[in-house]
PDB file of N, CA and C in Angstrom:
ATOM      1  N   MET A   1      83.782   8.880 117.468  1.00  0.00           N
ATOM      2  CA  MET A   1      83.757   8.225 118.755  1.00  0.00           C
ATOM      3  C   MET A   1      85.025   8.579 119.522  1.00  0.00           C
ATOM      4  N   LYS A   2      84.887   9.026 120.738  1.00  0.00           N
ATOM      5  CA  LYS A   2      86.032   9.366 121.569  1.00  0.00           C
ATOM      6  C   LYS A   2      86.281   8.242 122.559  1.00  0.00           C
ATOM      7  N   ASP A   3      87.525   7.809 122.599  1.00  0.00           N
ATOM      8  CA  ASP A   3      87.936   6.765 123.528  1.00  0.00           C
ATOM      9  C   ASP A   3      88.517   7.453 124.759  1.00  0.00           C
ATOM     10  N   PRO A   4      87.967   7.219 125.946  1.00  0.00           N
ATOM     11  CA  PRO A   4      88.450   7.906 127.145  1.00  0.00           C
ATOM     12  C   PRO A   4      89.919   7.586 127.474  1.00  0.00           C
ATOM     13  N   ILE A   5      90.365   6.401 127.149  1.00  0.00           N
ATOM     14  CA  ILE A   5      91.764   6.042 127.419  1.00  0.00           C
ATOM     15  C   ILE A   5      92.684   6.829 126.496  1.00  0.00           C
ATOM     16  N   VAL A   6      92.332   6.901 125.223  1.00  0.00           N
ATOM     17  CA  VAL A   6      93.129   7.667 124.265  1.00  0.00           C
ATOM     18  C   VAL A   6      93.147   9.137 124.672  1.00  0.00           C
ATOM     19  N   GLU A   7      92.019   9.672 125.078  1.00  0.00           N
ATOM     20  CA  GLU A   7      91.947  11.067 125.499  1.00  0.00           C
ATOM     21  C   GLU A   7      92.844  11.326 126.710  1.00  0.00           C
ATOM     22  N   GLU A   8      92.857  10.402 127.661  1.00  0.00           N
ATOM     23  CA  GLU A   8      93.695  10.566 128.848  1.00  0.00           C
ATOM     24  C   GLU A   8      95.179  10.521 128.478  1.00  0.00           C
ATOM     25  N   VAL A   9      95.549   9.599 127.592  1.00  0.00           N
ATOM     26  CA  VAL A   9      96.948   9.508 127.151  1.00  0.00           C
ATOM     27  C   VAL A   9      97.362  10.807 126.473  1.00  0.00           C
ATOM     28  N   ARG A  10      96.514  11.339 125.617  1.00  0.00           N
ATOM     29  CA  ARG A  10      96.819  12.592 124.918  1.00  0.00           C
ATOM     30  C   ARG A  10      96.952  13.754 125.900  1.00  0.00           C
ATOM     31  N   GLU A  11      96.092  13.787 126.894  1.00  0.00           N
ATOM     32  CA  GLU A  11      96.138  14.839 127.904  1.00  0.00           C
ATOM     33  C   GLU A  11      97.455  14.779 128.690  1.00  0.00           C
ATOM     34  N   GLN A  12      97.827  13.572 129.111  1.00  0.00           N
ATOM     35  CA  GLN A  12      99.068  13.418 129.875  1.00  0.00           C
ATOM     36  C   GLN A  12     100.286  13.754 129.017  1.00  0.00           C
ATOM     37  N   ARG A  13     100.255  13.359 127.752  1.00  0.00           N
ATOM     38  CA  ARG A  13     101.356  13.666 126.841  1.00  0.00           C
ATOM     39  C   ARG A  13     101.495  15.171 126.666  1.00  0.00           C
ATOM     40  N   MET A  14     100.372  15.872 126.550  1.00  0.00           N
ATOM     41  CA  MET A  14     100.405  17.326 126.389  1.00  0.00           C
ATOM     42  C   MET A  14     100.952  17.997 127.652  1.00  0.00           C
ATOM     43  N   LYS A  15     100.549  17.522 128.817  1.00  0.00           N
ATOM     44  CA  LYS A  15     101.082  18.078 130.070  1.00  0.00           C
ATOM     45  C   LYS A  15     102.589  17.898 130.132  1.00  0.00           C
ATOM     46  N   HIS A  16     103.054  16.728 129.744  1.00  0.00           N
ATOM     47  CA  HIS A  16     104.487  16.429 129.763  1.00  0.00           C
ATOM     48  C   HIS A  16     105.223  17.326 128.765  1.00  0.00           C
ATOM     49  N   THR A  17     104.636  17.523 127.604  1.00  0.00           N
ATOM     50  CA  THR A  17     105.235  18.386 126.581  1.00  0.00           C
ATOM     51  C   THR A  17     105.323  19.823 127.078  1.00  0.00           C
ATOM     52  N   LEU A  18     104.273  20.319 127.691  1.00  0.00           N
ATOM     53  CA  LEU A  18     104.262  21.687 128.196  1.00  0.00           C
ATOM     54  C   LEU A  18     105.258  21.875 129.345  1.00  0.00           C
ATOM     55  N   LYS A  19     105.423  20.831 130.156  1.00  0.00           N
ATOM     56  CA  LYS A  19     106.375  20.886 131.275  1.00  0.00           C
ATOM     57  C   LYS A  19     107.782  21.192 130.772  1.00  0.00           C
ATOM     58  N   PHE A  20     108.129  20.665 129.600  1.00  0.00           N
ATOM     59  CA  PHE A  20     109.457  20.863 129.037  1.00  0.00           C
ATOM     60  C   PHE A  20     109.440  21.846 127.867  1.00  0.00           C
ATOM     61  N   LYS A  21     108.342  22.593 127.741  1.00  0.00           N
ATOM     62  CA  LYS A  21     108.193  23.624 126.705  1.00  0.00           C
ATOM     63  C   LYS A  21     108.490  23.096 125.306  1.00  0.00           C
ATOM     64  N   GLY A  22     108.118  21.838 125.057  1.00  0.00           N
ATOM     65  CA  GLY A  22     108.271  21.245 123.734  1.00  0.00           C
ATOM     66  C   GLY A  22     109.683  20.825 123.380  1.00  0.00           C
ATOM     67  N   ASP A  23     110.615  20.899 124.326  1.00  0.00           N
ATOM     68  CA  ASP A  23     112.009  20.507 124.066  1.00  0.00           C
ATOM     69  C   ASP A  23     112.085  18.982 124.003  1.00  0.00           C
ATOM     70  N   ILE A  24     112.135  18.447 122.774  1.00  0.00           N
ATOM     71  CA  ILE A  24     112.063  16.996 122.586  1.00  0.00           C
ATOM     72  C   ILE A  24     113.218  16.273 123.263  1.00  0.00           C
ATOM     73  N   SER A  25     114.389  16.894 123.289  1.00  0.00           N
ATOM     74  CA  SER A  25     115.547  16.285 123.944  1.00  0.00           C
ATOM     75  C   SER A  25     115.299  16.133 125.448  1.00  0.00           C
ATOM     76  N   ALA A  26     114.771  17.171 126.064  1.00  0.00           N
ATOM     77  CA  ALA A  26     114.475  17.128 127.498  1.00  0.00           C
ATOM     78  C   ALA A  26     113.343  16.143 127.794  1.00  0.00           C
ATOM     79  N   ILE A  27     112.355  16.101 126.911  1.00  0.00           N
ATOM     80  CA  ILE A  27     111.232  15.169 127.088  1.00  0.00           C
ATOM     81  C   ILE A  27     111.744  13.734 127.056  1.00  0.00           C
ATOM     82  N   CYS A  28     112.583  13.409 126.056  1.00  0.00           N
ATOM     83  CA  CYS A  28     113.108  12.046 125.925  1.00  0.00           C
ATOM     84  C   CYS A  28     113.999  11.689 127.114  1.00  0.00           C
ATOM     85  N   LYS A  29     114.799  12.630 127.560  1.00  0.00           N
ATOM     86  CA  LYS A  29     115.676  12.392 128.716  1.00  0.00           C
ATOM     87  C   LYS A  29     114.832  12.058 129.948  1.00  0.00           C
ATOM     88  N   ASP A  30     113.758  12.810 130.154  1.00  0.00           N
ATOM     89  CA  ASP A  30     112.880  12.561 131.295  1.00  0.00           C
ATOM     90  C   ASP A  30     112.176  11.213 131.167  1.00  0.00           C
ATOM     91  N   LEU A  31     111.724  10.880 129.954  1.00  0.00           N
ATOM     92  CA  LEU A  31     111.048   9.587 129.761  1.00  0.00           C
ATOM     93  C   LEU A  31     111.998   8.422 130.005  1.00  0.00           C
ATOM     94  N   ARG A  32     113.273   8.571 129.588  1.00  0.00           N
ATOM     95  CA  ARG A  32     114.254   7.516 129.872  1.00  0.00           C
ATOM     96  C   ARG A  32     114.475   7.372 131.371  1.00  0.00           C
ATOM     97  N   LYS A  33     114.518   8.508 132.087  1.00  0.00           N
ATOM     98  CA  LYS A  33     114.678   8.476 133.539  1.00  0.00           C
ATOM     99  C   LYS A  33     113.502   7.753 134.189  1.00  0.00           C
ATOM    100  N   ILE A  34     112.291   8.074 133.736  1.00  0.00           N
ATOM    101  CA  ILE A  34     111.091   7.415 134.262  1.00  0.00           C
ATOM    102  C   ILE A  34     111.134   5.924 133.958  1.00  0.00           C
ATOM    103  N   GLN A  35     111.551   5.580 132.743  1.00  0.00           N
ATOM    104  CA  GLN A  35     111.629   4.172 132.335  1.00  0.00           C
ATOM    105  C   GLN A  35     112.607   3.404 133.217  1.00  0.00           C
ATOM    106  N   LEU A  36     113.785   3.977 133.464  1.00  0.00           N
ATOM    107  CA  LEU A  36     114.793   3.297 134.283  1.00  0.00           C
ATOM    108  C   LEU A  36     114.335   3.147 135.727  1.00  0.00           C
ATOM    109  N   SER A  37     113.634   4.142 136.249  1.00  0.00           N
ATOM    110  CA  SER A  37     113.210   4.085 137.650  1.00  0.00           C
ATOM    111  C   SER A  37     111.969   3.217 137.851  1.00  0.00           C
ATOM    112  N   SER A  38     111.342   2.770 136.763  1.00  0.00           N
ATOM    113  CA  SER A  38     110.113   1.974 136.880  1.00  0.00           C
ATOM    114  C   SER A  38     110.373   0.580 137.448  1.00  0.00           C
ATOM    115  N   GLY A  39     111.611   0.093 137.273  1.00  0.00           N
ATOM    116  CA  GLY A  39     111.926  -1.250 137.749  1.00  0.00           C
ATOM    117  C   GLY A  39     111.597  -2.336 136.747  1.00  0.00           C
ATOM    118  N   HIS A  40     110.989  -1.985 135.623  1.00  0.00           N
ATOM    119  CA  HIS A  40     110.667  -2.959 134.592  1.00  0.00           C
ATOM    120  C   HIS A  40     111.892  -3.219 133.727  1.00  0.00           C
ATOM    121  N   LYS A  41     112.032  -4.440 133.278  1.00  0.00           N
ATOM    122  CA  LYS A  41     113.137  -4.790 132.407  1.00  0.00           C
ATOM    123  C   LYS A  41     112.906  -4.172 131.026  1.00  0.00           C
ATOM    124  N   VAL A  42     113.936  -3.510 130.514  1.00  0.00           N
ATOM    125  CA  VAL A  42     113.850  -2.892 129.195  1.00  0.00           C
ATOM    126  C   VAL A  42     114.402  -3.873 128.171  1.00  0.00           C
ATOM    127  N   ILE A  43     113.618  -4.171 127.162  1.00  0.00           N
ATOM    128  CA  ILE A  43     114.021  -5.115 126.127  1.00  0.00           C
ATOM    129  C   ILE A  43     114.109  -4.365 124.806  1.00  0.00           C
ATOM    130  N   ARG A  44     115.217  -4.543 124.117  1.00  0.00           N
ATOM    131  CA  ARG A  44     115.378  -3.925 122.799  1.00  0.00           C
ATOM    132  C   ARG A  44     115.478  -5.044 121.775  1.00  0.00           C
ATOM    133  N   LEU A  45     114.532  -5.053 120.881  1.00  0.00           N
ATOM    134  CA  LEU A  45     114.508  -6.067 119.832  1.00  0.00           C
ATOM    135  C   LEU A  45     115.230  -5.553 118.599  1.00  0.00           C
ATOM    136  N   ALA A  46     115.839  -6.469 117.871  1.00  0.00           N
ATOM    137  CA  ALA A  46     116.486  -6.104 116.616  1.00  0.00           C
ATOM    138  C   ALA A  46     115.406  -5.688 115.624  1.00  0.00           C
ATOM    139  N   PRO A  47     115.708  -4.733 114.761  1.00  0.00           N
ATOM    140  CA  PRO A  47     114.706  -4.330 113.769  1.00  0.00           C
ATOM    141  C   PRO A  47     114.349  -5.477 112.847  1.00  0.00           C
ATOM    142  N   ARG A  48     113.108  -5.509 112.436  1.00  0.00           N
ATOM    143  CA  ARG A  48     112.669  -6.554 111.509  1.00  0.00           C
ATOM    144  C   ARG A  48     113.199  -6.242 110.132  1.00  0.00           C
ATOM    145  N   ARG A  49     113.605  -7.284 109.432  1.00  0.00           N
ATOM    146  CA  ARG A  49     114.068  -7.103 108.059  1.00  0.00           C
ATOM    147  C   ARG A  49     112.865  -6.981 107.142  1.00  0.00           C
ATOM    148  N   LYS A  50     112.971  -6.069 106.212  1.00  0.00           N
ATOM    149  CA  LYS A  50     111.905  -5.881 105.247  1.00  0.00           C
ATOM    150  C   LYS A  50     111.925  -7.053 104.276  1.00  0.00           C
ATOM    151  N   GLU A  51     110.762  -7.635 104.032  1.00  0.00           N
ATOM    152  CA  GLU A  51     110.675  -8.747 103.091  1.00  0.00           C
ATOM    153  C   GLU A  51     110.884  -8.228 101.676  1.00  0.00           C
ATOM    154  N   THR A  52     111.681  -8.933 100.932  1.00  0.00           N
ATOM    155  CA  THR A  52     111.858  -8.551  99.530  1.00  0.00           C
ATOM    156  C   THR A  52     110.924  -9.407  98.692  1.00  0.00           C
ATOM    157  N   THR A  53     110.292  -8.771  97.746  1.00  0.00           N
ATOM    158  CA  THR A  53     109.363  -9.493  96.880  1.00  0.00           C
ATOM    159  C   THR A  53     109.808  -9.329  95.439  1.00  0.00           C
ATOM    160  N   THR A  54     109.501 -10.307  94.652  1.00  0.00           N
ATOM    161  CA  THR A  54     109.824 -10.238  93.229  1.00  0.00           C
ATOM    162  C   THR A  54     108.567  -9.955  92.414  1.00  0.00           C
ATOM    163  N   ARG A  55     107.444  -9.859  93.093  1.00  0.00           N
ATOM    164  CA  ARG A  55     106.193  -9.572  92.408  1.00  0.00           C
ATOM    165  C   ARG A  55     106.146  -8.102  92.016  1.00  0.00           C
ATOM    166  N   PRO A  56     105.549  -7.798  90.880  1.00  0.00           N
ATOM    167  CA  PRO A  56     105.376  -6.390  90.516  1.00  0.00           C
ATOM    168  C   PRO A  56     104.367  -5.737  91.445  1.00  0.00           C
ATOM    169  N   ARG A  57     104.548  -4.474  91.701  1.00  0.00           N
ATOM    170  CA  ARG A  57     103.619  -3.755  92.569  1.00  0.00           C
ATOM    171  C   ARG A  57     102.295  -3.515  91.861  1.00  0.00           C
ATOM    172  N   LYS A  58     101.234  -3.582  92.626  1.00  0.00           N
ATOM    173  CA  LYS A  58      99.915  -3.299  92.091  1.00  0.00           C
ATOM    174  C   LYS A  58      99.466  -1.966  92.678  1.00  0.00           C
ATOM    175  N   PHE A  59      98.964  -1.112  91.839  1.00  0.00           N
ATOM    176  CA  PHE A  59      98.510   0.191  92.283  1.00  0.00           C
ATOM    177  C   PHE A  59      96.988   0.217  92.330  1.00  0.00           C
ATOM    178  N   ALA A  60      96.464   1.082  93.185  1.00  0.00           N
ATOM    179  CA  ALA A  60      95.027   1.172  93.361  1.00  0.00           C
ATOM    180  C   ALA A  60      94.323   1.661  92.111  1.00  0.00           C
ATOM    181  N   HIS A  61      95.012   2.482  91.336  1.00  0.00           N
ATOM    182  CA  HIS A  61      94.415   2.994  90.100  1.00  0.00           C
ATOM    183  C   HIS A  61      95.470   2.948  88.995  1.00  0.00           C
ATOM    184  N   SER A  62      95.030   2.851  87.800  1.00  0.00           N
ATOM    185  CA  SER A  62      95.969   2.829  86.682  1.00  0.00           C
ATOM    186  C   SER A  62      95.713   4.040  85.792  1.00  0.00           C
ATOM    187  N   ALA A  63      96.763   4.470  85.112  1.00  0.00           N
ATOM    188  CA  ALA A  63      96.661   5.661  84.258  1.00  0.00           C
ATOM    189  C   ALA A  63      96.149   5.302  82.885  1.00  0.00           C
TER     190      ALA A  63
END
């Protein structure tokens, strides 16, 4: 099943990638510029802490 929204996002991402010839640094710089000029507030959340468990791991199959 093809989702038209996903297809459009992929198409736009590919156009953006080709515009900068795959230079990830240039792509990120441009995306940050677009983000800042959007007028939307940028929120950075602290990373979530990984939960520690004392339970033994269960594997899908056993040897």
